[in-house]
Amino acid sequence: MLVTTETATSDLVIEERLGIISAEVVIGMHIFKDVLVGIRNTVGGRSKTYQDDLRNMREQVIGELQAEALKTGANAVIAVSLDYQEIGSKAQSMLMVLASGTAVKLAARSEQT
């Protein structure tokens, strides 16, 4: 299934817009991970732990967005937007990724020519 940030492309024919869909993924960060990231932030450098978590969350939320699209009968999602947020407090830190887009039915390839 096509998932794109583009709103329109010259090579795709949209037959029907089925509506806005969204998906969310939230993970809790445990205290040891937070402590290690805090040390990394103090001394500088990249946090591979958080980068890996964010990459995995992005893949999960796109997968959930595709599942939502299938429920509507769509074969693509366009105008996809990803939003990353930290929620909670120092004691209960959580990361959230929200994906939203427009579920659409694209014309079959033979109909596009």
Protein backbone atom coordinates (compact mmCIF):
# COMPACT_ATOMS: atom_id res chain seq x y z
CA MET A 1 0.00 0.00 0.00
CA LEU A 2 1.27 3.43 -0.94
CA VAL A 3 1.83 5.79 2.01
CA THR A 4 3.10 9.23 1.03
CA THR A 5 3.45 12.76 2.33
CA GLU A 6 2.49 14.08 -1.11
CA THR A 7 -0.99 15.53 -1.54
CA ALA A 8 -1.15 14.88 -5.27
CA THR A 9 1.10 13.40 -7.92
CA SER A 10 0.81 13.53 -11.66
CA ASP A 11 1.31 9.77 -11.99
CA LEU A 12 -1.51 8.74 -9.60
CA VAL A 13 -5.22 9.07 -10.26
CA ILE A 14 -7.37 9.39 -7.15
CA GLU A 15 -10.78 7.82 -7.71
CA GLU A 16 -12.18 8.56 -4.27
CA ARG A 17 -11.12 10.27 -1.05
CA LEU A 18 -12.40 8.21 1.85
CA GLY A 19 -11.56 10.54 4.73
CA ILE A 20 -8.97 11.40 7.30
CA ILE A 21 -7.48 8.53 9.27
CA SER A 22 -5.00 8.42 12.13
CA ALA A 23 -2.96 6.06 14.26
CA GLU A 24 -0.96 6.46 17.45
CA VAL A 25 1.88 4.62 19.14
CA VAL A 26 2.95 5.41 22.71
CA ILE A 27 5.80 3.79 24.59
CA GLY A 28 6.90 4.28 28.17
CA MET A 29 10.53 4.99 28.85
CA HIS A 30 11.92 3.14 31.83
CA ILE A 31 14.01 4.92 34.44
CA PHE A 32 17.35 3.32 33.48
CA LYS A 33 16.97 4.38 29.85
CA ASP A 34 16.06 7.92 30.98
CA VAL A 35 19.15 8.08 33.22
CA LEU A 36 21.46 6.94 30.41
CA VAL A 37 19.92 9.43 27.99
CA GLY A 38 20.29 12.17 30.61
CA ILE A 39 24.00 11.40 30.90
CA ARG A 40 24.35 11.45 27.11
CA ASN A 41 22.57 14.82 27.00
CA THR A 42 24.96 16.22 29.62
CA VAL A 43 28.19 15.08 27.95
CA GLY A 44 26.91 15.49 24.39
CA GLY A 45 26.45 13.14 21.48
CA ARG A 46 23.64 11.23 19.85
CA SER A 47 21.31 8.91 21.71
CA LYS A 48 21.16 5.69 19.68
CA THR A 49 18.63 4.31 22.17
CA TYR A 50 16.09 7.06 21.50
CA GLN A 51 16.84 7.06 17.77
CA ASP A 52 16.12 3.33 17.58
CA ASP A 53 12.94 3.74 19.63
CA LEU A 54 11.70 6.55 17.38
CA ARG A 55 12.51 4.59 14.22
CA ASN A 56 10.60 1.53 15.52
CA MET A 57 7.67 3.70 16.59
CA ARG A 58 7.52 5.35 13.15
CA GLU A 59 7.42 1.93 11.45
CA GLN A 60 4.70 0.74 13.85
CA VAL A 61 2.52 3.81 13.43
CA ILE A 62 2.74 3.63 9.63
CA GLY A 63 1.73 -0.04 9.82
CA GLU A 64 -1.26 0.90 11.98
CA LEU A 65 -2.16 3.72 9.57
CA GLN A 66 -2.16 1.20 6.71
CA ALA A 67 -4.44 -1.11 8.74
CA GLU A 68 -6.85 1.79 9.33
CA ALA A 69 -6.79 2.57 5.60
CA LEU A 70 -7.66 -1.03 4.72
CA LYS A 71 -10.69 -0.85 7.03
CA THR A 72 -12.04 2.03 4.92
CA GLY A 73 -11.43 0.19 1.64
CA ALA A 74 -8.50 2.43 0.67
CA ASN A 75 -5.47 1.28 -1.29
CA ALA A 76 -3.30 4.31 -0.42
CA VAL A 77 -2.81 7.05 2.16
CA ILE A 78 -1.76 10.51 0.98
CA ALA A 79 -0.82 13.74 2.77
CA VAL A 80 0.63 11.75 5.67
CA SER A 81 1.88 13.77 8.62
CA LEU A 82 3.94 12.43 11.53
CA ASP A 83 3.99 14.16 14.91
CA TYR A 84 6.37 13.23 17.73
CA GLN A 85 5.70 14.23 21.35
CA GLU A 86 7.05 13.52 24.80
CA ILE A 87 4.27 13.16 27.32
CA GLY A 88 4.18 12.59 31.06
CA SER A 89 6.50 13.75 33.80
CA LYS A 90 10.13 13.05 34.70
CA ALA A 91 9.03 10.01 36.70
CA GLN A 92 6.73 8.67 33.98
CA SER A 93 8.22 9.76 30.66
CA MET A 94 6.53 8.49 27.50
CA LEU A 95 7.07 9.01 23.78
CA MET A 96 4.19 9.26 21.30
CA VAL A 97 4.09 9.20 17.53
CA LEU A 98 0.86 10.22 15.79
CA ALA A 99 0.31 9.64 12.08
CA SER A 100 -2.58 11.06 10.09
CA GLY A 101 -3.43 11.23 6.43
CA THR A 102 -6.17 10.92 3.85
CA ALA A 103 -7.31 7.43 2.89
CA VAL A 104 -7.90 7.21 -0.87
CA LYS A 105 -8.74 4.77 -3.60
CA LEU A 106 -6.29 5.03 -6.48
CA ALA A 107 -7.26 3.98 -9.99
CA ALA A 108 -5.79 0.71 -11.18
CA ARG A 109 -2.59 1.12 -13.21
CA SER A 110 -4.30 0.21 -16.50
CA GLU A 111 -6.91 2.95 -15.89
CA GLN A 112 -4.22 5.58 -15.32
CA THR A 113 -2.74 5.48 -18.82
